Every structure is written in structure tokens, then in C-alpha cells.
Protein backbone atom coordinates (compact mmCIF):
# COMPACT_ATOMS: atom_id res chain seq x y z
CA MET A 1 -13.13 12.36 -13.12
CA SER A 2 -15.73 10.09 -11.55
CA ASP A 3 -15.30 8.73 -8.04
CA LEU A 4 -14.92 5.03 -7.23
CA ARG A 5 -16.95 3.08 -4.72
CA VAL A 6 -15.89 0.11 -2.63
CA ARG A 7 -19.03 -2.01 -2.76
CA LEU A 8 -19.21 -3.44 0.74
CA ARG A 9 -22.01 -3.13 3.31
CA PRO A 10 -21.66 -0.33 4.11
CA GLY A 11 -19.66 0.78 1.10
CA TYR A 12 -17.62 3.93 0.82
CA PRO A 13 -16.32 6.31 -1.84
CA VAL A 14 -12.77 6.79 -3.11
CA ARG A 15 -12.31 10.34 -4.38
CA PHE A 16 -9.27 11.66 -6.25
CA ARG A 17 -8.80 15.42 -6.52
CA GLU A 18 -6.02 17.58 -7.99
CA SER A 19 -5.56 20.00 -5.07
CA PHE A 20 -5.96 20.02 -1.30
CA GLY A 21 -8.60 22.74 -1.69
CA GLU A 22 -10.72 20.46 -3.87
CA LEU A 23 -10.10 17.52 -1.56
CA TRP A 24 -11.24 19.33 1.59
CA ALA A 25 -14.29 20.68 -0.25
CA ALA A 26 -15.28 17.07 -0.98
CA PHE A 27 -14.51 16.14 2.62
CA ARG A 28 -16.80 18.91 3.94
CA ASP A 29 -19.58 17.77 1.59
CA ASP A 30 -19.25 14.22 2.93
CA HIS A 31 -18.88 14.92 6.65
CA GLY A 32 -20.31 18.40 7.23
CA GLY A 33 -19.52 19.90 10.61
CA ARG A 34 -18.81 16.59 12.32
CA ARG A 35 -16.16 16.70 15.04
CA CYS A 36 -12.87 15.30 13.74
CA PHE A 37 -9.63 14.09 15.27
CA PHE A 38 -6.78 14.42 12.75
CA VAL A 39 -3.63 12.29 12.75
CA VAL A 40 -1.25 13.98 10.32
CA ASP A 41 2.21 13.10 9.06
CA GLN A 42 4.51 15.86 10.27
CA ARG A 43 6.58 15.53 7.10
CA LEU A 44 3.61 16.59 4.99
CA LEU A 45 3.11 19.71 7.11
CA ARG A 46 6.79 20.59 6.77
CA LYS A 47 6.65 20.25 2.99
CA ASN A 48 3.24 21.90 2.60
CA PRO A 49 2.31 23.96 5.69
CA ARG A 50 -0.96 25.02 4.02
CA ALA A 51 -2.17 21.48 3.32
CA LEU A 52 -5.00 21.75 5.88
CA ASN A 53 -5.84 25.43 5.43
CA ALA A 54 -9.02 24.81 3.44
CA LEU A 55 -10.56 23.21 6.54
CA PRO A 56 -12.29 25.44 9.12
CA VAL A 57 -10.01 26.08 12.09
CA ALA A 58 -12.60 24.70 14.50
CA GLN A 59 -12.75 21.39 12.62
CA ARG A 60 -8.97 20.86 12.77
CA ARG A 61 -8.59 21.86 16.41
CA ASP A 62 -8.00 18.28 17.57
CA LEU A 63 -4.83 17.23 15.76
CA LEU A 64 -1.84 15.02 16.44
CA ALA A 65 1.19 15.42 14.16
CA LEU A 66 3.69 12.57 14.06
CA ASN A 67 6.49 11.40 11.82
CA GLY A 68 5.29 8.70 9.46
CA GLY A 69 7.32 5.69 8.39
CA GLU A 70 7.51 2.15 9.71
CA GLY A 71 8.74 3.46 13.07
CA CYS A 72 5.35 4.97 13.89
CA LYS A 73 3.59 1.61 13.43
CA SER A 74 4.65 0.42 16.87
CA MET A 75 3.14 -0.07 20.30
CA ALA A 76 4.84 3.18 21.34
CA GLY A 77 3.16 5.04 18.46
CA PHE A 78 -0.15 3.41 19.31
CA GLN A 79 0.12 4.43 22.97
CA LYS A 80 1.00 8.00 21.99
CA LEU A 81 -2.10 8.16 19.82
CA GLN A 82 -4.31 6.69 22.54
CA GLY A 83 -2.96 9.21 25.04
CA ALA A 84 -3.68 12.14 22.72
CA ALA A 85 -7.20 10.85 22.16
CA LEU A 86 -7.86 10.57 25.89
CA ALA A 87 -6.57 14.11 26.44
CA ALA A 88 -8.90 15.37 23.68
CA ARG A 89 -11.85 13.48 25.21
CA LEU A 90 -13.08 11.92 22.01
CA ASP A 91 -16.52 10.38 21.96
CA ARG A 92 -18.11 7.75 19.76
CA GLN A 93 -19.39 10.33 17.29
CA THR A 94 -15.88 11.63 16.56
CA LEU A 95 -14.53 10.96 13.06
CA VAL A 96 -10.85 9.99 13.05
CA VAL A 97 -8.97 11.24 9.98
CA ALA A 98 -5.59 9.89 8.87
CA VAL A 99 -3.64 12.31 6.68
CA GLY A 100 -0.47 10.77 5.34
CA GLY A 101 0.97 7.67 3.77
CA GLY A 102 0.36 4.01 4.40
CA THR A 103 2.05 3.82 7.79
CA VAL A 104 0.01 6.70 9.20
CA GLY A 105 -3.12 5.11 7.75
CA ASP A 106 -2.33 1.69 9.21
CA LEU A 107 -1.66 3.10 12.67
CA THR A 108 -4.65 5.44 12.67
CA GLY A 109 -7.02 2.80 11.34
CA PHE A 110 -5.97 0.37 14.07
CA PHE A 111 -6.41 3.09 16.68
CA ALA A 112 -9.90 3.82 15.30
CA ALA A 113 -10.76 0.12 15.40
CA THR A 114 -9.91 -0.11 19.10
CA HIS A 115 -10.53 3.27 20.79
CA LEU A 116 -13.88 3.27 22.62
CA ARG A 117 -14.41 -0.13 20.96
CA GLY A 118 -14.46 1.40 17.50
CA LEU A 119 -14.71 4.83 15.90
CA ASP A 120 -15.49 5.87 12.34
CA TRP A 121 -12.42 6.89 10.37
CA CYS A 122 -11.41 7.99 6.92
CA CYS A 123 -8.12 8.21 5.09
CA VAL A 124 -6.61 11.15 3.22
CA ALA A 125 -3.80 9.46 1.29
CA THR A 126 -0.84 11.70 0.52
CA THR A 127 1.63 9.18 -0.95
CA SER A 128 1.47 7.31 -4.23
CA LEU A 129 1.65 3.99 -2.36
CA ALA A 130 -1.32 4.83 -0.15
CA MET A 131 -3.37 6.17 -3.06
CA ALA A 132 -2.70 3.10 -5.18
CA ASP A 133 -3.21 0.49 -2.49
CA SER A 134 -3.03 0.76 1.28
CA ALA A 135 -5.75 3.38 1.88
CA VAL A 136 -8.43 1.09 0.43
CA GLY A 137 -9.56 -2.17 1.96
CA GLY A 138 -9.62 -1.64 5.72
CA LYS A 139 -6.42 -3.46 6.66
CA THR A 140 -4.95 -1.74 9.72
CA GLY A 141 -2.09 -2.74 11.94
CA LEU A 142 1.19 -2.42 13.77
CA ASN A 143 4.61 -4.03 13.51
CA LEU A 144 5.85 -6.04 16.47
CA GLY A 145 9.14 -7.77 17.12
CA GLY A 146 10.44 -6.89 13.66
CA VAL A 147 7.45 -8.54 11.94
CA LYS A 148 5.29 -6.35 9.72
CA ASN A 149 1.59 -5.97 10.48
CA VAL A 150 1.49 -8.87 12.93
CA VAL A 151 -1.00 -6.94 15.10
CA GLY A 152 -4.04 -5.56 13.32
CA ALA A 153 -7.72 -5.54 12.48
CA PHE A 154 -10.02 -5.19 9.50
CA HIS A 155 -11.74 -1.82 9.96
CA GLN A 156 -13.14 -0.24 6.82
CA PRO A 157 -12.91 3.56 6.45
CA ARG A 158 -15.97 5.69 5.76
CA ALA A 159 -14.24 7.37 2.81
CA VAL A 160 -10.86 7.56 1.10
CA TYR A 161 -9.37 10.64 -0.56
CA GLY A 162 -6.31 11.04 -2.77
CA CYS A 163 -4.67 14.28 -3.83
CA ALA A 164 -2.35 14.87 -6.78
CA GLU A 165 -0.93 18.00 -5.12
CA ALA A 166 0.48 15.79 -2.37
CA LEU A 167 2.73 14.02 -4.88
CA ASP A 168 4.79 17.23 -5.09
CA THR A 169 5.73 16.84 -1.42
CA LEU A 170 7.34 13.43 -1.93
CA PRO A 171 10.99 12.69 -2.71
CA ARG A 172 11.25 11.12 -6.16
CA ARG A 173 12.29 7.75 -4.70
CA HIS A 174 9.21 7.57 -2.46
CA ARG A 175 6.89 8.75 -5.22
CA THR A 176 8.28 6.18 -7.65
CA ALA A 177 8.06 3.34 -5.12
CA GLY A 178 4.27 3.66 -5.09
CA LEU A 179 4.16 2.69 -8.75
CA ALA A 180 5.07 -0.88 -7.76
CA GLU A 181 1.55 -1.34 -6.39
CA VAL A 182 0.14 0.00 -9.67
CA VAL A 183 2.22 -2.54 -11.57
CA LYS A 184 1.02 -5.25 -9.17
CA SER A 185 -2.63 -4.40 -9.86
CA ALA A 186 -1.92 -4.53 -13.58
CA MET A 187 -0.14 -7.87 -13.27
CA ILE A 188 -2.96 -9.58 -11.39
CA ALA A 189 -6.06 -8.14 -13.05
CA ASP A 190 -5.60 -5.44 -15.70
CA ALA A 191 -3.55 -6.13 -18.83
CA LYS A 192 -4.72 -2.82 -20.36
CA LEU A 193 -3.29 -0.92 -17.40
CA PHE A 194 0.01 -2.76 -17.85
CA ALA A 195 0.11 -1.73 -21.51
CA ARG A 196 -0.68 1.88 -20.55
CA LEU A 197 2.19 1.87 -18.07
CA GLU A 198 4.50 0.53 -20.78
CA ALA A 199 3.39 3.31 -23.14
CA GLN A 200 3.80 6.09 -20.57
CA ALA A 201 6.64 4.81 -18.37
CA GLU A 202 8.96 7.79 -18.82
CA GLU A 203 6.15 10.28 -18.15
CA PHE A 204 5.98 9.19 -14.49
CA ALA A 205 9.30 10.89 -13.81
CA ARG A 206 7.33 14.07 -12.98
CA PRO A 207 4.25 14.28 -10.68
CA ARG A 208 1.78 15.37 -13.36
CA ALA A 209 -1.82 14.76 -12.29
CA ALA A 210 -2.88 13.95 -15.86
CA VAL A 211 -0.54 10.93 -15.88
CA TRP A 212 -0.51 9.84 -12.25
CA ILE A 213 -4.13 10.09 -11.19
CA PRO A 214 -5.57 7.79 -13.92
CA ALA A 215 -2.93 5.16 -13.07
CA LEU A 216 -3.48 5.38 -9.31
CA ARG A 217 -7.23 5.33 -9.82
CA ALA A 218 -7.01 2.23 -12.05
CA ALA A 219 -4.98 0.42 -9.38
CA CYS A 220 -7.54 1.45 -6.77
CA ARG A 221 -10.35 0.07 -8.92
CA VAL A 222 -8.64 -3.32 -9.11
CA LYS A 223 -8.27 -3.41 -5.34
CA ALA A 224 -11.81 -2.15 -4.67
CA ASP A 225 -13.28 -4.86 -6.91
CA ILE A 226 -11.30 -7.62 -5.20
CA VAL A 227 -12.04 -6.35 -1.67
CA ALA A 228 -15.75 -6.24 -2.51
CA ARG A 229 -15.57 -9.96 -3.30
CA ASP A 230 -13.58 -10.92 -0.20
CA GLU A 231 -13.40 -8.36 2.60
CA THR A 232 -11.36 -10.33 5.14
CA GLU A 233 -9.03 -12.34 2.91
CA HIS A 234 -10.48 -15.82 3.01
CA GLY A 235 -10.17 -16.22 -0.76
CA PRO A 236 -9.48 -13.99 -3.76
CA ARG A 237 -8.23 -11.02 -1.70
CA ALA A 238 -5.03 -13.05 -1.41
CA LEU A 239 -4.36 -12.08 -5.04
CA LEU A 240 -3.38 -8.63 -3.77
CA ASN A 241 -0.36 -10.26 -2.10
CA PHE A 242 1.37 -10.94 -5.42
CA GLY A 243 5.06 -10.42 -4.71
CA HIS A 244 4.48 -9.62 -1.04
CA THR A 245 5.82 -12.77 0.62
CA LEU A 246 9.37 -11.94 -0.43
CA ALA A 247 8.71 -8.20 -0.14
CA HIS A 248 7.85 -8.36 3.55
CA ALA A 249 10.87 -10.58 4.19
CA LEU A 250 13.14 -8.05 2.45
CA GLU A 251 11.65 -5.23 4.52
CA SER A 252 12.36 -7.19 7.70
CA SER A 253 15.83 -8.54 6.96
CA ALA A 254 17.55 -6.73 4.08
CA ALA A 255 20.18 -4.06 4.66
CA PRO A 256 19.84 -1.37 3.59
CA ARG A 257 16.08 -1.72 4.08
CA PRO A 258 14.08 -1.11 0.89
CA LEU A 259 10.91 0.94 0.75
CA HIS A 260 7.76 -1.17 0.61
CA GLY A 261 7.18 -0.49 -3.08
CA GLU A 262 10.79 -1.30 -3.91
CA ALA A 263 10.48 -4.60 -2.05
CA VAL A 264 7.23 -5.38 -3.89
CA ALA A 265 8.95 -4.79 -7.23
CA LEU A 266 11.62 -7.36 -6.33
CA GLY A 267 8.98 -9.71 -4.93
CA MET A 268 7.07 -9.62 -8.21
CA ILE A 269 10.21 -10.61 -10.12
CA ALA A 270 10.63 -13.64 -7.85
CA ALA A 271 6.92 -14.54 -8.02
CA THR A 272 7.00 -14.41 -11.82
CA GLN A 273 10.08 -16.63 -11.88
CA LEU A 274 8.21 -19.05 -9.60
CA SER A 275 5.38 -18.99 -12.14
CA ILE A 276 7.83 -19.83 -14.95
CA ASP A 277 9.35 -22.66 -12.90
CA ALA A 278 5.84 -24.01 -12.25
CA ARG A 279 5.20 -23.91 -16.02
CA LEU A 280 2.31 -21.51 -15.57
CA THR A 281 3.72 -18.72 -17.73
CA GLN A 282 6.35 -17.94 -20.34
CA SER A 283 9.68 -16.20 -19.91
CA THR A 284 8.31 -13.26 -21.93
CA THR A 285 6.07 -12.39 -18.94
CA LEU A 286 9.15 -11.87 -16.80
CA GLN A 287 10.92 -9.98 -19.56
CA ARG A 288 8.06 -7.49 -19.89
CA LEU A 289 7.76 -7.06 -16.14
CA ARG A 290 11.49 -6.54 -15.66
CA ASP A 291 11.64 -4.03 -18.52
CA LEU A 292 8.69 -2.03 -17.17
CA LEU A 293 10.16 -1.89 -13.65
CA ARG A 294 13.47 -0.71 -15.08
CA ARG A 295 11.81 2.03 -17.13
CA LEU A 296 9.81 3.18 -14.11
CA ARG A 297 13.09 3.34 -12.13
CA LEU A 298 12.02 0.60 -9.76
CA PRO A 299 14.49 -2.09 -8.62
CA HIS A 300 14.51 -5.28 -10.65
CA GLU A 301 17.65 -7.01 -9.37
CA LEU A 302 19.43 -7.48 -6.06
CA PRO A 303 23.19 -8.10 -6.11
CA GLU A 304 23.41 -9.55 -2.59
CA LEU A 305 20.94 -12.04 -1.14
CA GLU A 306 21.25 -13.80 2.20
CA PHE A 307 18.83 -16.66 1.72
CA GLU A 308 18.74 -18.01 5.28
CA SER A 309 17.65 -14.71 6.82
CA LEU A 310 15.12 -14.18 4.03
CA TRP A 311 13.62 -17.63 4.48
CA ARG A 312 13.48 -17.16 8.24
CA ALA A 313 11.61 -13.87 7.75
CA MET A 314 9.22 -15.53 5.30
CA SER A 315 8.36 -18.13 7.92
CA TYR A 316 6.53 -15.39 9.87
CA ASP A 317 4.25 -14.62 6.92
CA LYS A 318 0.66 -14.10 8.12
CA LYS A 319 -0.67 -15.85 5.03
CA ARG A 320 0.57 -19.30 6.07
CA ARG A 321 -2.13 -21.96 5.92
CA GLY A 322 -1.83 -25.23 7.79
CA GLY A 323 1.77 -24.39 8.63
CA ARG A 324 2.85 -23.96 5.00
CA LEU A 325 3.65 -20.91 2.94
CA GLU A 326 1.41 -20.13 0.00
CA VAL A 327 2.10 -17.62 -2.77
CA VAL A 328 0.31 -15.92 -5.64
CA LEU A 329 1.48 -16.85 -9.14
CA THR A 330 0.63 -15.52 -12.58
CA PRO A 331 -0.21 -17.35 -15.81
CA GLY A 332 0.34 -14.11 -17.71
CA ILE A 333 0.00 -10.35 -17.46
CA GLY A 334 -3.48 -9.41 -16.26
CA SER A 335 -4.27 -12.57 -14.30
CA ALA A 336 -3.16 -14.44 -11.20
CA SER A 337 -4.09 -17.34 -8.94
CA PHE A 338 -3.54 -17.92 -5.23
CA GLY A 339 -2.93 -20.86 -2.91
CA HIS A 340 0.28 -22.21 -4.46
CA PRO A 341 2.51 -23.93 -1.85
CA LEU A 342 6.05 -22.61 -1.55
CA GLY A 343 8.97 -24.80 -0.54
CA ARG A 344 12.45 -23.78 0.55
CA ALA A 345 14.28 -25.24 -2.46
CA THR A 346 11.74 -23.79 -4.89
CA MET A 347 12.17 -20.29 -3.44
CA ARG A 348 15.95 -20.52 -3.41
CA LYS A 349 15.91 -21.48 -7.09
CA ALA A 350 13.54 -18.65 -8.03
CA LEU A 351 15.73 -16.02 -6.41
CA ARG A 352 18.22 -16.46 -9.22
CA ALA A 353 15.97 -14.12 -11.22
CA LEU A 354 17.10 -11.27 -8.96
CA VAL A 355 20.82 -11.83 -9.53
CA PRO A 356 22.28 -9.30 -12.01
CA LEU A 357 23.04 -10.94 -15.35
CA GLU A 358 26.77 -10.24 -15.09
CA ASP A 359 26.94 -12.00 -11.68
CA ARG A 360 25.21 -15.21 -12.73
CA PRO A 361 27.39 -18.33 -13.01
């Protein structure tokens, strides 16, 4: 399977491998004997204690293990990482390596952007969500005051790696949640990928590399192409936020709190309903999306919605322009457009798409 390349200046490769042994062989080819500082999700090491064994002991001497999840993307997590780096006496030639899911990548990337005024870093993605989306593109950040990613920086990695073997370490719910970002990529830019997901939906129940890696790689290609056109989100990179305005609000205010991918699935339902209400697309677009999410075992309805708290959370969205919310809409599967203003009444109306059919008046 050929590698991808994010075509920035400088660009960087995205390499998918089946096993950790193959992944670390590619890593050694790329970075040789360079000194590394590893930030590793402790949960990965518990599930697969041999995940790093293919690396020379000397190269993995400087390592900080922490528990991933949204809790690590905090000022406390950032300070812990800075303290470990000071104790290890990193220098500007050190390569920082994030090994974990999106939260570990976000935290580590932000650390790399700021320590000693900027260090090289790369990302070894071990969750389906990170492989499909968050590891590529250089968005790094922390949560603050209950708001996701409100502190951050654009800091592109030197390389990204994904590993099918890592999918075996994930609970089914977490593995499945990552498929929402694959569906998102298909919705905004790849109708053929959407059709492939429809044809293979039930096959994603098991972490088979032959099914998962082509889908994750296709989602990565969509993102890499968009990032190459707009690195710092002044234009078309906003397309990658399809479904994310509501998703981030759900992550901040819903109880129980959904996983990011689960929230994105619900956000895409609402965004597609907004597209129908704006007369940009047909109801069949929503029907196909809802059916695919259901078959992939992703959420597609939400029995209880507290609109006021959701709208309040949406008001913190980083993508506001001129004081107004803007969303990404779709004219049909495989395409999308950005910059559509979102009003309170319009959003409230669109949320009816998330109400289970039996609960609708």
C-alpha cells in the first residue's frame, strides 16, 4: 500500500502499516538514530505492552506515559509534560513523538509547538479517530474552561504513522466512533468512499486491516488534500468541520458525554437537515446518511436535547466570524460548502432530525 503525502512546505508523509514492527521499521528509516522524547498513552501500553519493543532501548529511553482522553488536554497535563521535558533536558534537535489517540496528539503537538520555542514532532496514531483525521493537519491544542481546543497552535508534524494492529487494543465503541470521521470525509468530498462504506458497513464490526486501512487511508487523503489547499483554515479547510459545530457543543454540555466521533455523527445529521431546510439538498441525502450511521453502529438520534445549553455551548465555537456562527452544509453526498450563517431558530428547527421517530409530535 502506497504512502500518502501532505503537500505543504515542508510536506510530510502519512504511512499506514499492519503491525507495530512494520511501523517502527518505517520510523527508523525516516528518523535514524535521532534522539526522541516519547509521549505515550498508558492505556495502549496496558493493552499491548510490547507496542514499542521494535524500537532500540536507547531510542525510547526518554518517555512519558499518561492516560489519554479529554482530561489530559488541560493546563495540568501541559505542565506535567513540560516538567518531564525539563527533567530530560531536551534540546532543539530532539524529535517529540506522540503515540496514542487524538487527545495525546493534540497535547503533544501543542507542547512541541511551544517548548524551546518549537520542536519537531511526529504522530503515531493508535486510534481509528486519529488515523482518519486528527493526526493529519497540524492542529494542536488544549481544552480550557470546558471549551474544547480553545488554546492551540498550528504546528505540522514531520511524519504521521497509523497501525492496524493498534485497532485491536481499542474497545469496540471507541474503534467504531472513529468511523464518523471517515463518513464525514466521504460526505464532503468522496462519494465513492461513501458508497464503499455502504457496501462494507457490516464488515467494520471486526478490526480487519484489509477493511479498515483502505477506509482510514481514504479519509486521510481527503483531509491531506484540503489541508494542502488551506493550512491554517482561512477558507476551504473549514469544510472539515462538517457536523462539528453541534458535535463540540454536545461534547461540552451533553450528559452522558459522547465520544468525539459519536458527537460528529449526530452533528452530521443536524447539518444535513440544515442543508435540506436551506433547500440545498434532498431528503434522500439524510436518509442515506442516517442508514449508514445506523449500520456502522454510530448514533443517529438523540432522545433528550436541552437546546439552551447546546446553543450556549455553540456560542463559544472558534469558527465564529464577525460575531456570527457559520456552518458547513452539503448539496449532496461527496460535496460541501462553507460559510453558511446559523441562527438560533434555524438550529432549533434542524434538531428535530435527531428526535427518534416515535417521539416526534
